[in-house]
Protein backbone atom coordinates (compact mmCIF):
# COMPACT_ATOMS: atom_id res chain seq x y z
CA UNK A 1 -0.20 -0.08 0.00
CA UNK A 2 1.14 3.54 -0.71
CA UNK A 3 -0.06 6.98 -0.94
CA UNK A 4 0.78 9.78 -3.21
CA UNK A 5 -0.13 13.17 -3.97
CA UNK A 6 -1.62 14.04 -7.37
CA UNK A 7 0.37 16.61 -9.36
CA UNK A 8 -2.70 17.96 -11.32
CA UNK A 9 -5.30 18.18 -8.63
CA UNK A 10 -3.27 18.31 -5.35
CA UNK A 11 -5.32 15.64 -3.94
CA UNK A 12 -4.15 12.36 -1.99
CA UNK A 13 -4.47 8.88 -3.41
CA UNK A 14 -4.23 5.52 -1.99
CA UNK A 15 -3.10 2.75 -4.23
CA UNK A 16 -2.96 -1.04 -3.18
CA UNK A 17 -4.25 -4.47 -4.15
CA UNK A 18 -7.16 -6.09 -2.84
CA UNK A 19 -7.63 -9.99 -3.83
CA UNK A 20 -5.44 -9.53 -6.80
CA UNK A 21 -7.14 -6.55 -8.01
CA UNK A 22 -5.35 -3.15 -8.03
CA UNK A 23 -7.56 -0.32 -6.15
CA UNK A 24 -6.77 3.34 -6.54
CA UNK A 25 -9.09 5.69 -4.18
CA UNK A 26 -8.92 9.37 -3.92
CA UNK A 27 -9.01 10.63 -0.27
CA UNK A 28 -11.18 13.62 -0.01
CA UNK A 29 -10.65 16.21 2.84
CA UNK A 30 -7.12 14.77 3.60
CA UNK A 31 -4.37 17.47 3.71
CA UNK A 32 -1.07 15.95 4.84
CA UNK A 33 0.87 12.72 4.13
CA UNK A 34 0.17 11.71 7.70
CA UNK A 35 -3.45 12.03 7.38
CA UNK A 36 -3.41 10.23 4.07
CA UNK A 37 -1.63 7.18 5.74
CA UNK A 38 -4.05 6.83 8.54
CA UNK A 39 -6.97 7.14 6.06
CA UNK A 40 -5.46 4.48 3.66
CA UNK A 41 -4.93 2.31 6.84
CA UNK A 42 -8.62 2.65 7.85
CA UNK A 43 -9.68 1.64 4.26
CA UNK A 44 -7.48 -1.34 4.40
CA UNK A 45 -8.72 -2.51 7.64
CA UNK A 46 -12.34 -1.95 6.57
CA UNK A 47 -11.75 -3.96 3.23
CA UNK A 48 -10.20 -6.80 5.15
CA UNK A 49 -13.30 -7.17 7.30
CA UNK A 50 -15.42 -6.99 4.13
CA UNK A 51 -13.68 -9.65 2.60
CA UNK A 52 -13.90 -12.21 5.56
CA UNK A 53 -17.09 -11.44 6.59
CA UNK A 54 -16.44 -9.69 9.83
CA UNK A 55 -18.15 -6.37 9.15
CA UNK A 56 -21.78 -7.09 10.16
CA UNK A 57 -22.76 -3.52 9.75
CA UNK A 58 -22.74 -3.98 6.08
CA UNK A 59 -26.17 -3.84 4.03
CA UNK A 60 -26.83 -6.81 2.11
CA UNK A 61 -27.23 -6.88 -1.66
CA UNK A 62 -30.91 -8.23 -1.47
CA UNK A 63 -31.85 -5.46 1.04
CA UNK A 64 -30.20 -2.56 -0.92
CA UNK A 65 -32.02 -3.84 -4.02
CA UNK A 66 -35.50 -4.05 -2.66
CA UNK A 67 -35.24 -0.76 -0.34
CA UNK A 68 -33.25 1.33 -2.62
CA UNK A 69 -32.66 0.51 -6.44
CA UNK A 70 -36.25 -1.15 -7.19
CA UNK A 71 -38.10 1.88 -5.87
CA UNK A 72 -35.92 4.27 -7.53
CA UNK A 73 -36.33 2.29 -11.12
CA UNK A 74 -39.94 2.24 -10.62
CA UNK A 75 -40.05 5.96 -10.21
CA UNK A 76 -37.82 6.86 -12.96
CA UNK A 77 -37.32 4.18 -15.45
CA UNK A 78 -39.42 2.99 -18.19
CA UNK A 79 -37.71 -0.13 -18.00
CA UNK A 80 -38.45 -0.96 -14.37
CA UNK A 81 -40.43 -4.04 -15.34
CA UNK A 82 -36.99 -5.38 -16.98
CA UNK A 83 -35.02 -4.31 -14.06
CA UNK A 84 -36.95 -6.32 -11.75
CA UNK A 85 -36.63 -9.36 -13.79
CA UNK A 86 -32.75 -8.73 -14.11
CA UNK A 87 -32.69 -8.19 -10.16
CA UNK A 88 -34.05 -11.66 -9.74
CA UNK A 89 -31.17 -13.36 -11.60
CA UNK A 90 -28.72 -11.00 -9.83
CA UNK A 91 -30.18 -12.10 -6.53
CA UNK A 92 -29.66 -15.68 -7.28
CA UNK A 93 -25.91 -15.11 -7.62
CA UNK A 94 -25.21 -12.46 -4.87
CA UNK A 95 -28.04 -13.40 -2.31
CA UNK A 96 -25.64 -14.34 0.44
CA UNK A 97 -23.48 -11.46 -0.15
CA UNK A 98 -23.34 -8.14 1.59
CA UNK A 99 -22.52 -4.84 -0.72
CA UNK A 100 -19.11 -4.82 0.80
CA UNK A 101 -18.33 -8.52 -0.09
CA UNK A 102 -18.97 -7.98 -3.71
CA UNK A 103 -15.51 -7.51 -5.47
CA UNK A 104 -14.51 -7.21 -8.96
CA UNK A 105 -13.70 -11.00 -8.91
CA UNK A 106 -17.19 -11.80 -7.99
CA UNK A 107 -18.65 -9.60 -10.58
CA UNK A 108 -16.38 -11.44 -13.28
CA UNK A 109 -17.69 -14.79 -11.70
CA UNK A 110 -21.25 -13.69 -12.24
CA UNK A 111 -20.48 -12.78 -15.66
CA UNK A 112 -19.29 -16.15 -16.66
CA UNK A 113 -21.78 -18.02 -14.72
CA UNK A 114 -24.64 -16.20 -16.29
CA UNK A 115 -23.07 -16.67 -19.74
CA UNK A 116 -22.97 -20.33 -19.13
CA UNK A 117 -26.40 -20.53 -18.01
CA UNK A 118 -28.62 -21.49 -21.04
CA UNK A 119 -32.14 -20.21 -21.78
CA UNK A 120 -34.81 -22.87 -21.14
CA UNK A 121 -37.88 -22.61 -23.07
CA UNK A 122 -40.92 -24.53 -24.35
CA UNK A 123 -43.59 -26.71 -22.78
CA UNK A 124 -42.52 -28.81 -19.64
CA UNK A 125 -42.54 -32.17 -21.40
CA UNK A 126 -40.54 -30.90 -24.30
CA UNK A 127 -38.06 -28.42 -22.72
CA UNK A 128 -35.37 -26.99 -24.87
CA UNK A 129 -32.32 -24.73 -24.46
CA UNK A 130 -30.48 -22.15 -26.44
CA UNK A 131 -27.31 -20.17 -25.37
CA UNK A 132 -27.41 -16.86 -23.91
CA UNK A 133 -26.32 -13.91 -25.58
CA UNK A 134 -23.62 -11.67 -24.49
CA UNK A 135 -25.94 -8.77 -25.02
CA UNK A 136 -28.23 -10.02 -22.19
CA UNK A 137 -24.97 -10.84 -19.87
CA UNK A 138 -24.07 -7.03 -20.57
CA UNK A 139 -27.42 -5.68 -19.87
CA UNK A 140 -27.49 -7.40 -16.57
CA UNK A 141 -23.69 -6.06 -15.79
CA UNK A 142 -25.22 -2.51 -16.46
CA UNK A 143 -27.96 -2.85 -14.27
CA UNK A 144 -25.59 -4.40 -11.47
CA UNK A 145 -23.26 -1.33 -11.78
CA UNK A 146 -26.05 1.16 -11.58
CA UNK A 147 -27.08 -0.56 -8.24
CA UNK A 148 -23.39 -0.38 -7.09
CA UNK A 149 -22.89 3.08 -8.33
CA UNK A 150 -25.92 3.92 -6.21
CA UNK A 151 -24.37 1.96 -2.92
CA UNK A 152 -21.39 4.37 -3.56
CA UNK A 153 -23.59 7.41 -3.30
CA UNK A 154 -25.21 6.28 -0.33
CA UNK A 155 -21.70 5.48 1.51
CA UNK A 156 -22.37 1.75 1.52
CA UNK A 157 -19.09 1.02 -0.39
CA UNK A 158 -15.92 2.99 -1.48
CA UNK A 159 -15.89 2.19 -5.13
CA UNK A 160 -17.90 0.20 -7.80
CA UNK A 161 -16.20 -2.96 -8.62
CA UNK A 162 -18.22 -3.30 -11.86
CA UNK A 163 -15.82 -0.49 -13.34
CA UNK A 164 -12.84 -3.16 -13.19
CA UNK A 165 -15.01 -5.72 -15.16
CA UNK A 166 -14.87 -5.75 -19.03
CA UNK A 167 -18.15 -6.23 -20.86
CA UNK A 168 -18.52 -9.01 -23.26
CA UNK A 169 -17.84 -8.21 -26.96
CA UNK A 170 -21.22 -7.94 -28.90
CA UNK A 171 -22.06 -8.38 -32.57
CA UNK A 172 -25.68 -8.03 -32.86
CA UNK A 173 -26.44 -5.71 -35.44
CA UNK A 174 -28.84 -6.98 -37.84
CA UNK A 175 -29.38 -5.33 -41.33
CA UNK A 176 -32.30 -7.59 -42.58
CA UNK A 177 -34.23 -5.78 -45.24
CA UNK A 178 -37.43 -6.77 -46.63
CA UNK A 179 -37.41 -7.00 -50.59
CA UNK A 180 -40.57 -5.85 -52.55
CA UNK A 181 -41.65 -9.47 -52.98
CA UNK A 182 -41.20 -10.42 -49.36
CA UNK A 183 -43.30 -7.41 -48.20
CA UNK A 184 -46.08 -8.25 -50.52
CA UNK A 185 -45.86 -11.89 -49.34
CA UNK A 186 -45.98 -10.91 -45.61
CA UNK A 187 -48.98 -8.25 -45.90
CA UNK A 188 -50.73 -11.02 -47.51
CA UNK A 189 -50.22 -13.45 -44.84
CA UNK A 190 -50.94 -10.75 -42.07
CA UNK A 191 -54.69 -10.76 -40.40
CA UNK A 192 -56.51 -7.73 -41.51
CA UNK A 193 -56.32 -5.82 -38.00
CA UNK A 194 -52.59 -6.32 -38.03
CA UNK A 195 -51.75 -5.42 -41.66
CA UNK A 196 -51.99 -1.50 -41.05
CA UNK A 197 -49.41 -1.80 -38.36
CA UNK A 198 -46.87 -3.32 -40.56
CA UNK A 199 -47.64 -1.09 -43.54
CA UNK A 200 -47.03 2.10 -41.32
CA UNK A 201 -43.77 0.53 -39.55
CA UNK A 202 -42.65 0.14 -43.34
CA UNK A 203 -43.51 3.75 -44.17
CA UNK A 204 -42.59 5.62 -41.12
CA UNK A 205 -39.95 3.48 -39.32
CA UNK A 206 -41.74 3.72 -36.00
CA UNK A 207 -40.84 1.33 -33.50
CA UNK A 208 -43.30 -1.10 -32.27
CA UNK A 209 -44.03 0.58 -28.90
CA UNK A 210 -44.45 4.07 -30.70
CA UNK A 211 -47.07 2.46 -32.94
CA UNK A 212 -48.95 1.00 -29.99
CA UNK A 213 -48.87 4.48 -28.07
CA UNK A 214 -50.14 6.40 -31.37
CA UNK A 215 -53.31 8.02 -30.80
CA UNK A 216 -55.57 9.82 -33.24
CA UNK A 217 -54.83 13.51 -31.40
CA UNK A 218 -51.15 12.83 -32.66
CA UNK A 219 -52.15 12.44 -36.28
CA UNK A 220 -52.35 15.70 -38.28
CA UNK A 221 -53.94 14.90 -41.68
CA UNK A 222 -53.64 18.59 -42.75
CA UNK A 223 -49.74 18.96 -42.34
CA UNK A 224 -49.26 15.15 -43.16
CA UNK A 225 -47.42 14.39 -39.91
CA UNK A 226 -47.64 12.52 -36.73
CA UNK A 227 -46.34 13.51 -33.18
CA UNK A 228 -44.33 10.54 -31.39
CA UNK A 229 -45.15 11.32 -28.03
CA UNK A 230 -43.38 8.62 -26.31
CA UNK A 231 -40.08 7.57 -27.82
CA UNK A 232 -37.16 5.48 -26.75
CA UNK A 233 -35.09 8.70 -26.00
CA UNK A 234 -37.88 10.45 -24.34
CA UNK A 235 -38.02 13.11 -26.95
CA UNK A 236 -41.03 14.21 -28.93
CA UNK A 237 -40.67 14.24 -32.65
CA UNK A 238 -42.42 14.76 -35.81
CA UNK A 239 -42.67 12.31 -38.67
CA UNK A 240 -44.10 12.78 -42.10
CA UNK A 241 -46.59 10.74 -43.70
CA UNK A 242 -46.37 9.68 -47.18
CA UNK A 243 -49.41 9.04 -49.50
CA UNK A 244 -49.65 5.37 -48.58
CA UNK A 245 -49.77 6.02 -44.87
CA UNK A 246 -52.00 8.89 -45.23
CA UNK A 247 -54.51 6.91 -47.22
CA UNK A 248 -54.35 4.03 -45.05
CA UNK A 249 -54.97 6.02 -41.79
CA UNK A 250 -58.09 7.85 -43.25
CA UNK A 251 -59.67 4.43 -44.12
CA UNK A 252 -59.27 3.22 -40.53
CA UNK A 253 -62.17 3.31 -38.05
CA UNK A 254 -61.67 5.59 -35.04
CA UNK A 255 -63.68 3.27 -32.56
CA UNK A 256 -60.86 3.81 -29.91
CA UNK A 257 -58.19 6.82 -29.09
CA UNK A 258 -55.58 4.49 -30.13
CA UNK A 259 -54.98 4.28 -33.93
CA UNK A 260 -53.92 0.81 -33.53
CA UNK A 261 -55.82 -0.34 -30.58
CA UNK A 262 -56.16 -3.97 -28.93
CA UNK A 263 -58.70 -5.94 -30.92
CA UNK A 264 -60.00 -7.41 -27.48
CA UNK A 265 -60.22 -4.43 -25.10
CA UNK A 266 -60.07 -1.51 -27.87
CA UNK A 267 -57.42 0.09 -25.33
CA UNK A 268 -53.71 0.08 -25.96
CA UNK A 269 -52.43 -2.84 -27.74
CA UNK A 270 -49.45 -4.57 -25.91
CA UNK A 271 -48.26 -7.18 -28.36
CA UNK A 272 -48.16 -8.39 -31.95
CA UNK A 273 -45.42 -10.93 -31.80
CA UNK A 274 -47.73 -14.13 -32.19
CA UNK A 275 -49.55 -12.63 -35.12
CA UNK A 276 -46.53 -11.35 -36.72
CA UNK A 277 -44.40 -14.52 -36.27
CA UNK A 278 -47.46 -16.58 -37.50
CA UNK A 279 -47.35 -14.46 -40.73
CA UNK A 280 -43.49 -14.60 -41.29
CA UNK A 281 -44.09 -18.56 -41.19
CA UNK A 282 -46.95 -18.86 -43.50
CA UNK A 283 -45.23 -16.23 -46.08
CA UNK A 284 -42.27 -18.45 -45.98
CA UNK A 285 -39.75 -15.42 -46.03
CA UNK A 286 -37.81 -16.51 -42.76
CA UNK A 287 -35.54 -14.72 -40.39
CA UNK A 288 -37.56 -11.83 -39.83
CA UNK A 289 -38.31 -9.54 -36.61
CA UNK A 290 -40.68 -6.76 -36.31
CA UNK A 291 -37.78 -4.48 -35.69
CA UNK A 292 -36.22 -5.27 -39.05
CA UNK A 293 -39.19 -3.21 -40.71
CA UNK A 294 -37.73 -0.06 -39.19
CA UNK A 295 -34.32 -1.01 -40.72
CA UNK A 296 -36.22 -1.64 -44.11
CA UNK A 297 -37.65 1.68 -43.91
CA UNK A 298 -34.51 3.46 -42.79
CA UNK A 299 -32.58 1.59 -45.60
CA UNK A 300 -35.13 2.60 -48.29
CA UNK A 301 -35.11 6.20 -47.18
CA UNK A 302 -31.38 6.04 -47.55
CA UNK A 303 -31.45 4.49 -51.09
CA UNK A 304 -33.74 7.36 -52.26
CA UNK A 305 -31.15 10.08 -51.24
CA UNK A 306 -32.04 11.05 -47.40
CA UNK A 307 -28.69 11.84 -45.81
CA UNK A 308 -27.86 10.99 -42.18
CA UNK A 309 -29.22 14.23 -40.43
CA UNK A 310 -32.68 13.88 -42.14
CA UNK A 311 -32.57 9.91 -40.88
CA UNK A 312 -31.76 10.96 -37.55
CA UNK A 313 -34.59 13.50 -37.29
CA UNK A 314 -37.22 10.98 -38.62
CA UNK A 315 -36.20 7.96 -36.73
CA UNK A 316 -35.21 9.76 -33.28
CA UNK A 317 -31.61 8.68 -33.01
CA UNK A 318 -29.38 11.33 -31.06
CA UNK A 319 -26.28 9.44 -32.36
CA UNK A 320 -25.56 10.12 -36.08
CA UNK A 321 -23.56 6.65 -36.05
CA UNK A 322 -26.92 4.94 -36.28
CA UNK A 323 -27.76 6.79 -39.39
CA UNK A 324 -24.48 6.14 -41.06
CA UNK A 325 -25.39 2.48 -41.04
CA UNK A 326 -27.88 3.00 -43.74
CA UNK A 327 -26.22 5.97 -45.73
CA UNK A 328 -23.04 3.80 -46.72
CA UNK A 329 -20.93 4.68 -49.79
CA UNK A 330 -22.93 2.55 -52.29
CA UNK A 331 -25.89 5.00 -52.30
CA UNK A 332 -26.27 7.04 -55.46
CA UNK A 333 -26.06 10.21 -53.37
CA UNK A 334 -22.64 9.62 -52.20
CA UNK A 335 -21.47 8.57 -55.76
CA UNK A 336 -22.57 11.62 -57.09
CA UNK A 337 -20.69 13.87 -54.61
CA UNK A 338 -17.68 12.10 -55.59
CA UNK A 339 -18.40 12.28 -59.38
CA UNK A 340 -19.11 16.04 -58.96
CA UNK A 341 -15.20 16.80 -58.17
CA UNK A 342 -13.87 14.33 -60.78
């Protein structure tokens, strides 16, 4: 263990190894080397007690999640239901741990344990397994990191051990685009109530949740735009309507405040997965997710000359790199730009 004074900030820092991991902590309100050494000794003693379970004052992981994190998630996050499910998995692994006993080594063990744990599905008499994706594991690590960051803010632990654990490499970028023939086959296979949803998705690029949240009050036929009130980025945006969608929406009945209501309750629709997958199977086009309709819309707009900034505005992306996936160097607009200086 050693203490040193940073040249750039003038603050004292303690540097040591714990369970094979290097730990560097800034010591607030420390003025002299003597004070720094005393603070470092206290930290080392505290970590020793944590590691070997001598510290009975430490809040348990399960208790902190139930009393602090989940109430925060419910009040502040749209993904609260997903957080609650993820916390059940985290609780299985860390249920016997206090917050202070969760080290980078323990987090790494969780990462490997969860990755190796297969997804089990199907009826009980015909259970099947499939491997868990790195993206799912990384999402659980992000939730765990948020929990431990809140524990740091609450003074329960000194540092977040997740910061010393690398996320798994992920390559889940899909660029599945429907051909005109596939689109025709899909629409013919869709039932009459779901077909307008698919057509609108293909012509606007709206996400599934945005389509389900769409109300007639959000549709402006005079200006030929619709207002997306609840988006993934929590920012409202206007999306233009082409003639196909304008004519389609004008032909629909308005028996509900929602444009695409539930066929059972006529309230907000909550799913289309079964209907969509059934149509994909019957049309025999294969390997198609509902979100691929959004990819198809973006690709078609880019091929017609839409630039990256225009796509960001329509699709609600805050990072232009999302749009650059579609405006690649094979588009006519880019080719014309290069030819112009030849």
